[in-house]
Each structure stands twice: as structure tokens, then as C-alpha cells.
Amino acid sequence: MAGPDLSAVPVAAAASSGFRLSKEHFAVAVPVALVTAVGGFLLGLYVSKRSCKKGQVNTSISKDSPKVVHSFDMEDIGTKAVYCRCWKSKKFPYCDGAHAKHNEETGDNVGPLIIKRRDA
């Protein structure tokens, strides 16, 4: 028994357009595509890590120091002390209210650290 006659079946335009991908072309195209994809991924990681510096919280206070630390004795505080937590204060480490502008610009909700003495 002979198979059906397929000569009457229309051929898709792409198959008859003359574009053919040989095994040799395919063997070259796949590694090139993989190398390009991996390279793009690694470049993206590199760029995102480099630009992370822009997201630093402290942009100006004691940048020459490896860590910014301020220490106060409780006896020296008096009845109340208000400390900056947004790193934007011109009076750092004390709060000057700069967090209000920071919060408005960024949508953040940071506020000061307030330390009070308990009433005796």
C-alpha cells in the first residue's frame, strides 16, 4: 500500500523562502547565543553591584572612617536627646529634622531616635 500523495498539500512560506539552517550553522549559533546570554547576565550583575554605591545611606558623614560610631554617657544627655537616623542632618549625630524632607522625597518613613530620662 502506497502512502498518501502529499504533492497537493501547500508548503509553508518559511520552508520555501530559501532560509535553511544547516547543522554547521546551528553548531556555531548555539554556543554564540549561550556565550552572549551568559556575558550579558554577568555584565548585568557587575553593573548592578557597581551602582549599589548610590544606594548608600551615609553620603557625607565621616566618610574617611571605616565605621561611624558616636558614644555618649547617659549622665551627659540631660533629660532628653534626639539623634539622627536618616544621615541627612547637618548637626549629625543630632537630629535637625532633615528626615522630613528625605521622607517626602523618597516615600521613606524614617524618624529620629529619642532618648528621655524617666521621671523619678
Protein backbone atom coordinates (compact mmCIF):
# COMPACT_ATOMS: atom_id res chain seq x y z
CA MET A 1 0.00 0.00 0.00
CA ALA A 2 1.42 3.35 -1.05
CA GLY A 3 1.35 6.43 1.24
CA PRO A 4 -0.86 9.42 0.54
CA ASP A 5 0.11 11.82 -2.22
CA LEU A 6 1.41 14.96 -0.45
CA SER A 7 2.17 16.91 -3.60
CA ALA A 8 -1.15 18.75 -3.30
CA VAL A 9 -0.50 19.93 0.31
CA PRO A 10 0.56 23.60 0.41
CA VAL A 11 4.05 24.24 1.81
CA ALA A 12 4.52 26.96 4.42
CA ALA A 13 6.12 30.15 3.15
CA ALA A 14 9.08 29.92 5.54
CA ALA A 15 10.00 26.49 4.28
CA SER A 16 10.05 27.66 0.71
CA SER A 17 11.70 31.03 1.37
CA GLY A 18 15.17 29.64 0.92
CA PHE A 19 16.24 30.14 4.56
CA ARG A 20 17.79 26.97 5.83
CA LEU A 21 19.82 26.42 8.98
CA SER A 22 22.37 23.72 8.40
CA LYS A 23 23.80 21.63 11.21
CA GLU A 24 27.08 23.53 10.89
CA HIS A 25 25.35 26.91 11.26
CA PHE A 26 23.32 25.58 14.20
CA ALA A 27 26.51 24.25 15.84
CA VAL A 28 28.00 27.75 15.66
CA ALA A 29 24.83 29.70 16.55
CA VAL A 30 24.05 27.85 19.79
CA PRO A 31 27.42 28.44 21.50
CA VAL A 32 27.46 32.06 20.34
CA ALA A 33 23.97 32.59 21.78
CA LEU A 34 24.96 30.93 25.07
CA VAL A 35 28.14 32.97 25.42
CA THR A 36 26.21 36.16 24.65
CA ALA A 37 23.49 35.33 27.20
CA VAL A 38 25.97 34.43 29.95
CA GLY A 39 28.07 37.50 29.17
CA GLY A 40 25.02 39.76 29.34
CA PHE A 41 23.97 38.21 32.63
CA LEU A 42 27.43 38.65 34.18
CA LEU A 43 27.70 42.21 32.87
CA GLY A 44 24.32 42.98 34.43
CA LEU A 45 25.49 41.62 37.79
CA TYR A 46 28.68 43.65 37.60
CA VAL A 47 26.87 46.88 36.75
CA SER A 48 24.24 46.38 39.46
CA LYS A 49 26.92 45.79 42.11
CA ARG A 50 28.86 48.85 41.00
CA SER A 51 25.79 51.07 41.11
CA CYS A 52 24.86 49.82 44.57
CA LYS A 53 27.11 52.55 45.99
CA LYS A 54 24.47 55.10 45.02
CA GLY A 55 22.13 53.43 47.50
CA GLN A 56 24.36 54.10 50.50
CA VAL A 57 22.58 55.64 53.45
CA ASN A 58 25.53 57.70 54.67
CA THR A 59 26.56 60.01 51.86
CA SER A 60 28.62 62.60 53.74
CA ILE A 61 29.31 61.89 57.45
CA SER A 62 32.89 60.81 58.35
CA LYS A 63 33.47 59.09 55.00
CA ASP A 64 37.19 58.65 55.82
CA SER A 65 36.32 56.40 58.77
CA PRO A 66 35.65 52.67 58.26
CA LYS A 67 32.70 52.86 60.69
CA VAL A 68 30.84 55.86 62.09
CA VAL A 69 30.36 55.48 65.86
CA HIS A 70 29.26 58.07 68.40
CA SER A 71 29.16 57.29 72.11
CA PHE A 72 27.51 59.34 74.86
CA ASP A 73 27.30 58.92 78.62
CA MET A 74 23.75 58.88 79.99
CA GLU A 75 24.74 61.49 82.57
CA ASP A 76 25.67 63.91 79.77
CA ILE A 77 22.37 63.61 77.93
CA GLY A 78 20.28 65.62 80.37
CA THR A 79 16.53 65.00 80.25
CA LYS A 80 16.17 64.32 76.51
CA ALA A 81 18.32 63.75 73.42
CA VAL A 82 17.18 63.42 69.80
CA TYR A 83 19.53 61.55 67.44
CA CYS A 84 19.51 61.40 63.65
CA ARG A 85 18.78 58.08 61.92
CA CYS A 86 18.48 59.32 58.32
CA TRP A 87 22.09 60.52 57.97
CA LYS A 88 20.87 63.80 56.42
CA SER A 89 21.21 66.04 59.49
CA LYS A 90 23.60 69.00 59.30
CA LYS A 91 24.07 68.60 63.09
CA PHE A 92 24.80 64.85 62.94
CA PRO A 93 24.62 62.84 65.21
CA TYR A 94 21.83 65.08 66.49
CA CYS A 95 18.57 65.37 64.56
CA ASP A 96 17.76 68.66 62.85
CA GLY A 97 14.53 67.48 61.20
CA ALA A 98 16.15 66.72 57.82
CA HIS A 99 14.32 63.38 57.78
CA ALA A 100 11.06 65.20 56.95
CA LYS A 101 12.44 66.34 53.56
CA HIS A 102 14.07 62.93 52.99
CA ASN A 103 10.77 61.14 53.72
CA GLU A 104 8.84 63.46 51.39
CA GLU A 105 11.33 62.96 48.53
CA THR A 106 11.73 59.19 48.89
CA GLY A 107 8.49 57.94 50.44
CA ASP A 108 10.52 56.64 53.38
CA ASN A 109 9.27 56.84 56.98
CA VAL A 110 12.50 57.25 58.96
CA GLY A 111 12.47 59.37 62.10
CA PRO A 112 14.83 60.27 64.95
CA LEU A 113 15.91 58.21 67.93
CA ILE A 114 14.62 59.97 71.05
CA ILE A 115 16.14 59.13 74.44
CA LYS A 116 14.48 60.50 77.57
CA ARG A 117 15.14 60.09 81.25
CA ARG A 118 12.38 58.52 83.26
CA ASP A 119 10.80 60.80 85.78
CA ALA A 120 11.91 59.77 89.27
